[in-house]
All heavy atoms as atom14 arrays in JSON, in Angstrom:
{
  "sequence": "DPRARVACEVSCTTGLVIVMGEISISEGYVDIPGLVRNTLKNIGYTD",
  "atom14_mask": [
    [1, 1, 1, 1, 1, 1, 1, 1, 0, 0, 0, 0, 0, 0],
    [1, 1, 1, 1, 1, 1, 1, 0, 0, 0, 0, 0, 0, 0],
    [1, 1, 1, 1, 1, 1, 1, 1, 1, 1, 1, 0, 0, 0],
    [1, 1, 1, 1, 1, 0, 0, 0, 0, 0, 0, 0, 0, 0],
    [1, 1, 1, 1, 1, 1, 1, 1, 1, 1, 1, 0, 0, 0],
    [1, 1, 1, 1, 1, 1, 1, 0, 0, 0, 0, 0, 0, 0],
    [1, 1, 1, 1, 1, 0, 0, 0, 0, 0, 0, 0, 0, 0],
    [1, 1, 1, 1, 1, 1, 0, 0, 0, 0, 0, 0, 0, 0],
    [1, 1, 1, 1, 1, 1, 1, 1, 1, 0, 0, 0, 0, 0],
    [1, 1, 1, 1, 1, 1, 1, 0, 0, 0, 0, 0, 0, 0],
    [1, 1, 1, 1, 1, 1, 0, 0, 0, 0, 0, 0, 0, 0],
    [1, 1, 1, 1, 1, 1, 0, 0, 0, 0, 0, 0, 0, 0],
    [1, 1, 1, 1, 1, 1, 1, 0, 0, 0, 0, 0, 0, 0],
    [1, 1, 1, 1, 1, 1, 1, 0, 0, 0, 0, 0, 0, 0],
    [1, 1, 1, 1, 0, 0, 0, 0, 0, 0, 0, 0, 0, 0],
    [1, 1, 1, 1, 1, 1, 1, 1, 0, 0, 0, 0, 0, 0],
    [1, 1, 1, 1, 1, 1, 1, 0, 0, 0, 0, 0, 0, 0],
    [1, 1, 1, 1, 1, 1, 1, 1, 0, 0, 0, 0, 0, 0],
    [1, 1, 1, 1, 1, 1, 1, 0, 0, 0, 0, 0, 0, 0],
    [1, 1, 1, 1, 1, 1, 1, 1, 0, 0, 0, 0, 0, 0],
    [1, 1, 1, 1, 0, 0, 0, 0, 0, 0, 0, 0, 0, 0],
    [1, 1, 1, 1, 1, 1, 1, 1, 1, 0, 0, 0, 0, 0],
    [1, 1, 1, 1, 1, 1, 1, 1, 0, 0, 0, 0, 0, 0],
    [1, 1, 1, 1, 1, 1, 0, 0, 0, 0, 0, 0, 0, 0],
    [1, 1, 1, 1, 1, 1, 1, 1, 0, 0, 0, 0, 0, 0],
    [1, 1, 1, 1, 1, 1, 0, 0, 0, 0, 0, 0, 0, 0],
    [1, 1, 1, 1, 1, 1, 1, 1, 1, 0, 0, 0, 0, 0],
    [1, 1, 1, 1, 0, 0, 0, 0, 0, 0, 0, 0, 0, 0],
    [1, 1, 1, 1, 1, 1, 1, 1, 1, 1, 1, 1, 0, 0],
    [1, 1, 1, 1, 1, 1, 1, 0, 0, 0, 0, 0, 0, 0],
    [1, 1, 1, 1, 1, 1, 1, 1, 0, 0, 0, 0, 0, 0],
    [1, 1, 1, 1, 1, 1, 1, 1, 0, 0, 0, 0, 0, 0],
    [1, 1, 1, 1, 1, 1, 1, 0, 0, 0, 0, 0, 0, 0],
    [1, 1, 1, 1, 0, 0, 0, 0, 0, 0, 0, 0, 0, 0],
    [1, 1, 1, 1, 1, 1, 1, 1, 0, 0, 0, 0, 0, 0],
    [1, 1, 1, 1, 1, 1, 1, 0, 0, 0, 0, 0, 0, 0],
    [1, 1, 1, 1, 1, 1, 1, 1, 1, 1, 1, 0, 0, 0],
    [1, 1, 1, 1, 1, 1, 1, 1, 0, 0, 0, 0, 0, 0],
    [1, 1, 1, 1, 1, 1, 1, 0, 0, 0, 0, 0, 0, 0],
    [1, 1, 1, 1, 1, 1, 1, 1, 0, 0, 0, 0, 0, 0],
    [1, 1, 1, 1, 1, 1, 1, 1, 1, 0, 0, 0, 0, 0],
    [1, 1, 1, 1, 1, 1, 1, 1, 0, 0, 0, 0, 0, 0],
    [1, 1, 1, 1, 1, 1, 1, 1, 0, 0, 0, 0, 0, 0],
    [1, 1, 1, 1, 0, 0, 0, 0, 0, 0, 0, 0, 0, 0],
    [1, 1, 1, 1, 1, 1, 1, 1, 1, 1, 1, 1, 0, 0],
    [1, 1, 1, 1, 1, 1, 1, 0, 0, 0, 0, 0, 0, 0],
    [1, 1, 1, 1, 1, 1, 1, 1, 0, 0, 0, 0, 0, 0]
  ],
  "atom14_positions": [
    [[5.57, -9.11, 10.95], [6.61, -8.9, 11.8], [6.23, -7.78, 12.86], [6.19, -6.57, 12.32], [7.9, -8.52, 11.05], [9.04, -8.31, 11.97], [8.96, -8.49, 13.23], [10.14, -7.94, 11.43], [0.0, 0.0, 0.0], [0.0, 0.0, 0.0], [0.0, 0.0, 0.0], [0.0, 0.0, 0.0], [0.0, 0.0, 0.0], [0.0, 0.0, 0.0]],
    [[5.93, -8.08, 14.12], [5.5, -7.02, 14.96], [6.42, -5.92, 15.12], [6.12, -4.86, 15.61], [5.26, -7.83, 16.28], [5.02, -9.24, 15.95], [5.79, -9.43, 14.68], [0.0, 0.0, 0.0], [0.0, 0.0, 0.0], [0.0, 0.0, 0.0], [0.0, 0.0, 0.0], [0.0, 0.0, 0.0], [0.0, 0.0, 0.0], [0.0, 0.0, 0.0]],
    [[7.72, -6.23, 14.84], [8.81, -5.25, 14.96], [9.14, -4.5, 13.7], [10.29, -3.92, 13.51], [10.03, -5.85, 15.67], [9.77, -6.28, 17.12], [10.88, -7.22, 17.64], [10.52, -7.67, 18.86], [10.65, -7.11, 19.97], [11.49, -5.95, 20.0], [10.51, -7.52, 21.27], [0.0, 0.0, 0.0], [0.0, 0.0, 0.0], [0.0, 0.0, 0.0]],
    [[8.28, -4.68, 12.62], [8.63, -3.97, 11.39], [8.68, -2.48, 11.59], [8.1, -1.89, 12.5], [7.23, -4.12, 10.47], [0.0, 0.0, 0.0], [0.0, 0.0, 0.0], [0.0, 0.0, 0.0], [0.0, 0.0, 0.0], [0.0, 0.0, 0.0], [0.0, 0.0, 0.0], [0.0, 0.0, 0.0], [0.0, 0.0, 0.0], [0.0, 0.0, 0.0]],
    [[9.61, -2.04, 10.94], [9.93, -0.46, 10.84], [9.33, -0.04, 9.46], [9.66, -0.35, 8.39], [11.4, -0.18, 10.88], [12.05, -0.73, 12.09], [11.66, 0.3, 13.3], [12.09, -0.22, 14.58], [13.31, -0.06, 15.0], [14.24, 0.56, 14.31], [13.61, -0.55, 16.3], [0.0, 0.0, 0.0], [0.0, 0.0, 0.0], [0.0, 0.0, 0.0]],
    [[8.22, 0.81, 9.64], [7.45, 1.21, 8.44], [7.35, 2.77, 8.45], [6.98, 3.4, 9.47], [6.09, 0.56, 8.48], [5.21, 1.03, 7.27], [6.23, -0.95, 8.58], [0.0, 0.0, 0.0], [0.0, 0.0, 0.0], [0.0, 0.0, 0.0], [0.0, 0.0, 0.0], [0.0, 0.0, 0.0], [0.0, 0.0, 0.0], [0.0, 0.0, 0.0]],
    [[7.56, 3.4, 7.33], [7.25, 4.79, 7.02], [6.84, 4.78, 5.6], [7.55, 4.74, 4.67], [8.43, 5.72, 7.29], [0.0, 0.0, 0.0], [0.0, 0.0, 0.0], [0.0, 0.0, 0.0], [0.0, 0.0, 0.0], [0.0, 0.0, 0.0], [0.0, 0.0, 0.0], [0.0, 0.0, 0.0], [0.0, 0.0, 0.0], [0.0, 0.0, 0.0]],
    [[5.46, 4.64, 5.38], [4.77, 4.55, 4.13], [3.98, 5.76, 3.8], [3.01, 6.09, 4.46], [3.98, 3.3, 4.12], [3.26, 2.93, 2.56], [0.0, 0.0, 0.0], [0.0, 0.0, 0.0], [0.0, 0.0, 0.0], [0.0, 0.0, 0.0], [0.0, 0.0, 0.0], [0.0, 0.0, 0.0], [0.0, 0.0, 0.0], [0.0, 0.0, 0.0]],
    [[4.36, 6.32, 2.57], [3.73, 7.52, 2.12], [3.03, 7.09, 0.89], [3.54, 6.38, 0.03], [4.58, 8.7, 1.83], [5.57, 9.01, 2.9], [5.07, 9.55, 4.25], [3.96, 10.01, 4.2], [5.67, 9.52, 5.28], [0.0, 0.0, 0.0], [0.0, 0.0, 0.0], [0.0, 0.0, 0.0], [0.0, 0.0, 0.0], [0.0, 0.0, 0.0]],
    [[1.83, 7.75, 0.56], [1.07, 7.49, -0.7], [0.59, 8.67, -1.12], [0.26, 9.75, -0.58], [-0.07, 6.51, -0.46], [-0.97, 6.37, -1.61], [0.47, 5.21, 0.3], [0.0, 0.0, 0.0], [0.0, 0.0, 0.0], [0.0, 0.0, 0.0], [0.0, 0.0, 0.0], [0.0, 0.0, 0.0], [0.0, 0.0, 0.0], [0.0, 0.0, 0.0]],
    [[0.57, 8.83, -2.52], [0.0, 9.91, -3.29], [-0.92, 9.27, -4.38], [-0.59, 8.14, -4.9], [1.09, 10.77, -3.95], [0.42, 11.91, -4.52], [0.0, 0.0, 0.0], [0.0, 0.0, 0.0], [0.0, 0.0, 0.0], [0.0, 0.0, 0.0], [0.0, 0.0, 0.0], [0.0, 0.0, 0.0], [0.0, 0.0, 0.0], [0.0, 0.0, 0.0]],
    [[-2.0, 9.89, -4.6], [-2.84, 9.42, -5.65], [-3.44, 10.68, -6.52], [-3.61, 11.73, -6.04], [-4.08, 8.61, -5.03], [-5.24, 9.63, -4.1], [0.0, 0.0, 0.0], [0.0, 0.0, 0.0], [0.0, 0.0, 0.0], [0.0, 0.0, 0.0], [0.0, 0.0, 0.0], [0.0, 0.0, 0.0], [0.0, 0.0, 0.0], [0.0, 0.0, 0.0]],
    [[-3.53, 10.31, -7.76], [-4.1, 11.3, -8.71], [-4.86, 10.61, -9.77], [-5.03, 9.4, -9.73], [-2.98, 12.09, -9.36], [-3.54, 13.28, -10.12], [-2.04, 11.41, -10.21], [0.0, 0.0, 0.0], [0.0, 0.0, 0.0], [0.0, 0.0, 0.0], [0.0, 0.0, 0.0], [0.0, 0.0, 0.0], [0.0, 0.0, 0.0], [0.0, 0.0, 0.0]],
    [[-5.32, 11.25, -10.78], [-6.16, 10.71, -11.89], [-5.44, 9.5, -12.48], [-4.37, 9.51, -13.09], [-6.57, 11.69, -13.04], [-7.02, 12.84, -12.51], [-7.48, 11.06, -13.96], [0.0, 0.0, 0.0], [0.0, 0.0, 0.0], [0.0, 0.0, 0.0], [0.0, 0.0, 0.0], [0.0, 0.0, 0.0], [0.0, 0.0, 0.0], [0.0, 0.0, 0.0]],
    [[-6.06, 8.26, -12.21], [-5.46, 7.0, -12.93], [-4.12, 6.44, -12.26], [-3.5, 5.39, -12.76], [0.0, 0.0, 0.0], [0.0, 0.0, 0.0], [0.0, 0.0, 0.0], [0.0, 0.0, 0.0], [0.0, 0.0, 0.0], [0.0, 0.0, 0.0], [0.0, 0.0, 0.0], [0.0, 0.0, 0.0], [0.0, 0.0, 0.0], [0.0, 0.0, 0.0]],
    [[-3.68, 7.01, -11.07], [-2.34, 6.58, -10.51], [-2.37, 6.53, -9.02], [-2.8, 7.7, -8.44], [-1.28, 7.34, -11.24], [0.2, 7.01, -10.73], [0.6, 5.68, -11.18], [1.12, 8.06, -11.36], [0.0, 0.0, 0.0], [0.0, 0.0, 0.0], [0.0, 0.0, 0.0], [0.0, 0.0, 0.0], [0.0, 0.0, 0.0], [0.0, 0.0, 0.0]],
    [[-1.81, 5.53, -8.46], [-1.52, 5.6, -7.03], [0.04, 5.2, -6.89], [0.49, 4.24, -7.45], [-2.33, 4.46, -6.19], [-1.92, 4.53, -4.81], [-3.8, 4.83, -6.41], [0.0, 0.0, 0.0], [0.0, 0.0, 0.0], [0.0, 0.0, 0.0], [0.0, 0.0, 0.0], [0.0, 0.0, 0.0], [0.0, 0.0, 0.0], [0.0, 0.0, 0.0]],
    [[0.65, 6.11, -6.09], [2.22, 5.83, -5.91], [2.39, 5.6, -4.45], [1.87, 6.3, -3.52], [3.02, 7.08, -6.25], [2.61, 7.49, -7.72], [4.46, 6.93, -6.06], [3.29, 8.87, -8.17], [0.0, 0.0, 0.0], [0.0, 0.0, 0.0], [0.0, 0.0, 0.0], [0.0, 0.0, 0.0], [0.0, 0.0, 0.0], [0.0, 0.0, 0.0]],
    [[2.93, 4.46, -4.09], [3.42, 3.99, -2.78], [4.8, 4.14, -2.6], [5.57, 3.41, -3.27], [2.85, 2.54, -2.54], [3.04, 2.13, -1.03], [1.34, 2.37, -2.88], [0.0, 0.0, 0.0], [0.0, 0.0, 0.0], [0.0, 0.0, 0.0], [0.0, 0.0, 0.0], [0.0, 0.0, 0.0], [0.0, 0.0, 0.0], [0.0, 0.0, 0.0]],
    [[5.21, 4.95, -1.59], [6.69, 5.27, -1.32], [7.07, 5.0, 0.16], [6.07, 4.87, 0.91], [6.96, 6.76, -1.67], [6.58, 7.11, -3.09], [6.43, 8.94, -3.2], [4.81, 9.26, -2.51], [0.0, 0.0, 0.0], [0.0, 0.0, 0.0], [0.0, 0.0, 0.0], [0.0, 0.0, 0.0], [0.0, 0.0, 0.0], [0.0, 0.0, 0.0]],
    [[8.21, 4.92, 0.4], [8.65, 4.94, 1.8], [9.93, 3.99, 2.12], [10.49, 3.58, 1.27], [0.0, 0.0, 0.0], [0.0, 0.0, 0.0], [0.0, 0.0, 0.0], [0.0, 0.0, 0.0], [0.0, 0.0, 0.0], [0.0, 0.0, 0.0], [0.0, 0.0, 0.0], [0.0, 0.0, 0.0], [0.0, 0.0, 0.0], [0.0, 0.0, 0.0]],
    [[10.05, 3.81, 3.37], [11.14, 2.96, 3.96], [10.56, 1.92, 4.86], [9.83, 2.29, 5.87], [12.1, 3.78, 4.82], [12.82, 4.86, 3.9], [12.0, 6.15, 3.72], [11.42, 6.55, 4.73], [11.79, 6.6, 2.57], [0.0, 0.0, 0.0], [0.0, 0.0, 0.0], [0.0, 0.0, 0.0], [0.0, 0.0, 0.0], [0.0, 0.0, 0.0]],
    [[10.78, 0.55, 4.57], [10.11, -0.36, 5.27], [11.24, -1.53, 5.44], [12.04, -1.93, 4.52], [8.97, -1.09, 4.6], [7.8, -0.03, 4.45], [8.55, -2.28, 5.24], [6.72, -0.48, 3.59], [0.0, 0.0, 0.0], [0.0, 0.0, 0.0], [0.0, 0.0, 0.0], [0.0, 0.0, 0.0], [0.0, 0.0, 0.0], [0.0, 0.0, 0.0]],
    [[11.44, -2.08, 6.83], [12.33, -3.04, 7.0], [11.53, -4.09, 7.82], [10.91, -3.84, 8.89], [13.49, -2.61, 7.86], [14.19, -1.66, 7.16], [0.0, 0.0, 0.0], [0.0, 0.0, 0.0], [0.0, 0.0, 0.0], [0.0, 0.0, 0.0], [0.0, 0.0, 0.0], [0.0, 0.0, 0.0], [0.0, 0.0, 0.0], [0.0, 0.0, 0.0]],
    [[11.47, -5.4, 7.39], [10.75, -6.49, 8.01], [11.7, -7.58, 8.15], [12.7, -7.72, 7.2], [9.42, -6.89, 7.45], [9.48, -7.33, 6.0], [8.47, -5.86, 7.73], [8.27, -7.89, 5.49], [0.0, 0.0, 0.0], [0.0, 0.0, 0.0], [0.0, 0.0, 0.0], [0.0, 0.0, 0.0], [0.0, 0.0, 0.0], [0.0, 0.0, 0.0]],
    [[11.6, -8.66, 9.08], [12.54, -9.64, 9.2], [12.39, -10.69, 8.01], [13.35, -11.27, 7.42], [12.4, -10.37, 10.47], [11.01, -10.87, 10.62], [0.0, 0.0, 0.0], [0.0, 0.0, 0.0], [0.0, 0.0, 0.0], [0.0, 0.0, 0.0], [0.0, 0.0, 0.0], [0.0, 0.0, 0.0], [0.0, 0.0, 0.0], [0.0, 0.0, 0.0]],
    [[11.12, -10.99, 7.63], [10.91, -11.82, 6.56], [9.41, -11.62, 6.03], [8.45, -10.98, 6.8], [11.14, -13.2, 6.96], [10.23, -13.64, 7.96], [10.45, -15.07, 8.48], [11.65, -15.64, 8.0], [9.74, -15.69, 9.22], [0.0, 0.0, 0.0], [0.0, 0.0, 0.0], [0.0, 0.0, 0.0], [0.0, 0.0, 0.0], [0.0, 0.0, 0.0]],
    [[9.19, -12.12, 4.86], [7.81, -12.19, 4.35], [7.49, -11.15, 3.14], [8.56, -10.52, 2.72], [0.0, 0.0, 0.0], [0.0, 0.0, 0.0], [0.0, 0.0, 0.0], [0.0, 0.0, 0.0], [0.0, 0.0, 0.0], [0.0, 0.0, 0.0], [0.0, 0.0, 0.0], [0.0, 0.0, 0.0], [0.0, 0.0, 0.0], [0.0, 0.0, 0.0]],
    [[6.41, -11.23, 2.66], [6.08, -10.36, 1.39], [4.7, -9.98, 1.46], [3.72, -10.69, 1.88], [6.23, -11.25, 0.19], [5.68, -10.65, -1.09], [6.42, -9.69, -1.87], [4.52, -11.1, -1.53], [5.98, -9.07, -2.92], [3.98, -10.48, -2.78], [4.73, -9.48, -3.41], [4.18, -8.87, -4.53], [0.0, 0.0, 0.0], [0.0, 0.0, 0.0]],
    [[4.46, -8.67, 1.05], [3.17, -8.01, 1.04], [2.82, -7.68, -0.49], [3.65, -6.95, -0.97], [2.99, -6.92, 1.87], [1.62, -6.17, 1.75], [3.05, -7.22, 3.42], [0.0, 0.0, 0.0], [0.0, 0.0, 0.0], [0.0, 0.0, 0.0], [0.0, 0.0, 0.0], [0.0, 0.0, 0.0], [0.0, 0.0, 0.0], [0.0, 0.0, 0.0]],
    [[1.73, -8.0, -0.97], [1.31, -7.66, -2.33], [0.73, -6.34, -2.24], [-0.53, -6.11, -2.01], [0.23, -8.78, -2.86], [-0.32, -8.31, -4.2], [0.25, -7.3, -4.91], [-1.35, -8.96, -4.55], [0.0, 0.0, 0.0], [0.0, 0.0, 0.0], [0.0, 0.0, 0.0], [0.0, 0.0, 0.0], [0.0, 0.0, 0.0], [0.0, 0.0, 0.0]],
    [[1.56, -5.26, -2.37], [1.13, -3.91, -2.22], [0.16, -3.42, -3.31], [-0.82, -2.83, -3.01], [2.36, -2.97, -2.0], [3.07, -3.23, -0.77], [1.93, -1.55, -2.11], [4.29, -2.46, -0.52], [0.0, 0.0, 0.0], [0.0, 0.0, 0.0], [0.0, 0.0, 0.0], [0.0, 0.0, 0.0], [0.0, 0.0, 0.0], [0.0, 0.0, 0.0]],
    [[0.46, -3.8, -4.63], [-0.59, -3.41, -5.61], [-2.02, -3.95, -5.3], [-2.99, -3.31, -5.42], [-0.05, -3.88, -6.89], [1.55, -3.91, -6.63], [1.57, -4.32, -5.23], [0.0, 0.0, 0.0], [0.0, 0.0, 0.0], [0.0, 0.0, 0.0], [0.0, 0.0, 0.0], [0.0, 0.0, 0.0], [0.0, 0.0, 0.0], [0.0, 0.0, 0.0]],
    [[-2.03, -5.24, -4.89], [-3.3, -5.9, -4.66], [-3.94, -5.23, -3.19], [-5.1, -5.05, -3.34], [0.0, 0.0, 0.0], [0.0, 0.0, 0.0], [0.0, 0.0, 0.0], [0.0, 0.0, 0.0], [0.0, 0.0, 0.0], [0.0, 0.0, 0.0], [0.0, 0.0, 0.0], [0.0, 0.0, 0.0], [0.0, 0.0, 0.0], [0.0, 0.0, 0.0]],
    [[-3.23, -4.86, -2.43], [-3.72, -4.13, -1.24], [-4.25, -2.81, -1.58], [-5.37, -2.44, -1.12], [-2.5, -3.98, -0.15], [-2.8, -3.32, 1.2], [-1.85, -3.94, 2.22], [-2.7, -1.72, 1.22], [0.0, 0.0, 0.0], [0.0, 0.0, 0.0], [0.0, 0.0, 0.0], [0.0, 0.0, 0.0], [0.0, 0.0, 0.0], [0.0, 0.0, 0.0]],
    [[-3.51, -2.04, -2.41], [-4.13, -0.77, -2.89], [-5.5, -0.96, -3.62], [-6.45, -0.19, -3.35], [-3.02, -0.11, -3.94], [-3.68, 1.04, -4.56], [-1.85, 0.25, -3.12], [0.0, 0.0, 0.0], [0.0, 0.0, 0.0], [0.0, 0.0, 0.0], [0.0, 0.0, 0.0], [0.0, 0.0, 0.0], [0.0, 0.0, 0.0], [0.0, 0.0, 0.0]],
    [[-5.56, -1.91, -4.47], [-6.75, -2.11, -5.2], [-7.91, -2.51, -4.27], [-9.0, -2.14, -4.37], [-6.66, -3.18, -6.26], [-5.62, -2.64, -7.37], [-5.56, -3.55, -8.61], [-4.27, -3.18, -9.44], [-4.26, -2.11, -10.23], [-5.42, -1.38, -10.35], [-3.18, -1.92, -10.97], [0.0, 0.0, 0.0], [0.0, 0.0, 0.0], [0.0, 0.0, 0.0]],
    [[-7.68, -3.38, -3.34], [-8.73, -3.88, -2.33], [-9.25, -2.63, -1.63], [-10.33, -2.59, -1.27], [-8.13, -4.99, -1.49], [-8.23, -6.38, -2.14], [-8.92, -6.54, -3.12], [-7.26, -7.12, -1.72], [0.0, 0.0, 0.0], [0.0, 0.0, 0.0], [0.0, 0.0, 0.0], [0.0, 0.0, 0.0], [0.0, 0.0, 0.0], [0.0, 0.0, 0.0]],
    [[-8.31, -1.81, -1.23], [-8.65, -0.57, -0.36], [-9.5, 0.28, -1.13], [-10.52, 0.73, -0.66], [-7.32, 0.2, 0.04], [-6.52, -0.64, 0.84], [-7.66, 1.49, 0.92], [0.0, 0.0, 0.0], [0.0, 0.0, 0.0], [0.0, 0.0, 0.0], [0.0, 0.0, 0.0], [0.0, 0.0, 0.0], [0.0, 0.0, 0.0], [0.0, 0.0, 0.0]],
    [[-9.23, 0.6, -2.48], [-10.01, 1.44, -3.31], [-11.42, 0.82, -3.56], [-12.33, 1.47, -3.55], [-9.25, 1.69, -4.68], [-7.94, 2.32, -4.58], [-7.3, 2.34, -5.95], [-8.22, 3.86, -4.2], [0.0, 0.0, 0.0], [0.0, 0.0, 0.0], [0.0, 0.0, 0.0], [0.0, 0.0, 0.0], [0.0, 0.0, 0.0], [0.0, 0.0, 0.0]],
    [[-11.41, -0.48, -3.72], [-12.66, -1.2, -3.83], [-13.68, -1.13, -2.64], [-14.81, -0.8, -2.79], [-12.44, -2.65, -4.22], [-13.63, -3.5, -4.39], [-13.33, -4.95, -4.77], [-14.61, -5.75, -5.03], [-14.13, -7.19, -5.26], [0.0, 0.0, 0.0], [0.0, 0.0, 0.0], [0.0, 0.0, 0.0], [0.0, 0.0, 0.0], [0.0, 0.0, 0.0]],
    [[-12.97, -1.19, -1.39], [-13.8, -1.26, -0.18], [-14.24, 0.22, 0.14], [-15.28, 0.42, 0.64], [-12.87, -1.63, 0.98], [-12.61, -3.16, 0.98], [-13.35, -3.94, 0.52], [-11.47, -3.5, 1.65], [0.0, 0.0, 0.0], [0.0, 0.0, 0.0], [0.0, 0.0, 0.0], [0.0, 0.0, 0.0], [0.0, 0.0, 0.0], [0.0, 0.0, 0.0]],
    [[-13.44, 1.25, -0.4], [-13.99, 2.65, -0.21], [-15.2, 2.99, -1.09], [-16.1, 3.68, -0.72], [-12.76, 3.69, -0.52], [-11.69, 3.51, 0.54], [-13.28, 5.08, -0.67], [-10.38, 4.22, 0.17], [0.0, 0.0, 0.0], [0.0, 0.0, 0.0], [0.0, 0.0, 0.0], [0.0, 0.0, 0.0], [0.0, 0.0, 0.0], [0.0, 0.0, 0.0]],
    [[-15.14, 2.35, -2.33], [-16.21, 2.57, -3.28], [-15.89, 2.99, -4.6], [-16.76, 3.38, -5.41], [0.0, 0.0, 0.0], [0.0, 0.0, 0.0], [0.0, 0.0, 0.0], [0.0, 0.0, 0.0], [0.0, 0.0, 0.0], [0.0, 0.0, 0.0], [0.0, 0.0, 0.0], [0.0, 0.0, 0.0], [0.0, 0.0, 0.0], [0.0, 0.0, 0.0]],
    [[-14.49, 3.06, -4.9], [-14.19, 3.37, -6.21], [-14.25, 2.14, -7.27], [-13.18, 1.64, -7.47], [-12.72, 4.07, -6.28], [-12.83, 5.53, -5.66], [-12.44, 5.64, -4.28], [-13.09, 6.56, -6.46], [-12.48, 7.01, -3.85], [-13.35, 7.8, -5.89], [-12.93, 8.06, -4.59], [-13.02, 9.27, -4.17], [0.0, 0.0, 0.0], [0.0, 0.0, 0.0]],
    [[-15.47, 1.88, -7.48], [-15.67, 0.58, -8.43], [-16.17, 1.01, -9.71], [-16.46, -0.01, -10.46], [-16.8, -0.32, -7.63], [-17.91, 0.53, -7.29], [-16.2, -0.65, -6.16], [0.0, 0.0, 0.0], [0.0, 0.0, 0.0], [0.0, 0.0, 0.0], [0.0, 0.0, 0.0], [0.0, 0.0, 0.0], [0.0, 0.0, 0.0], [0.0, 0.0, 0.0]],
    [[-16.55, 2.19, -10.06], [-17.17, 2.6, -11.24], [-16.3, 3.46, -12.12], [-15.89, 4.52, -11.67], [-18.5, 3.35, -11.07], [-19.39, 3.58, -12.24], [-18.83, 3.5, -13.34], [-20.52, 3.95, -12.0], [0.0, 0.0, 0.0], [0.0, 0.0, 0.0], [0.0, 0.0, 0.0], [0.0, 0.0, 0.0], [0.0, 0.0, 0.0], [0.0, 0.0, 0.0]]
  ]
}
C-alpha cells in the first residue's frame, strides 16, 4: 500500500529482536518475523 502509515521501531539484544510501532495499511500481510530473520542473514549473523 503506497499510502501505508508506518512508524516502526526495533530493539535487539542477546537472542532477541523486538519489533514495535504503529502501522496502518489498506490490506495485506507482511511476515515480520521472516523479514527480521532474512535481514539478519543478509547482514551476516549466520554463525
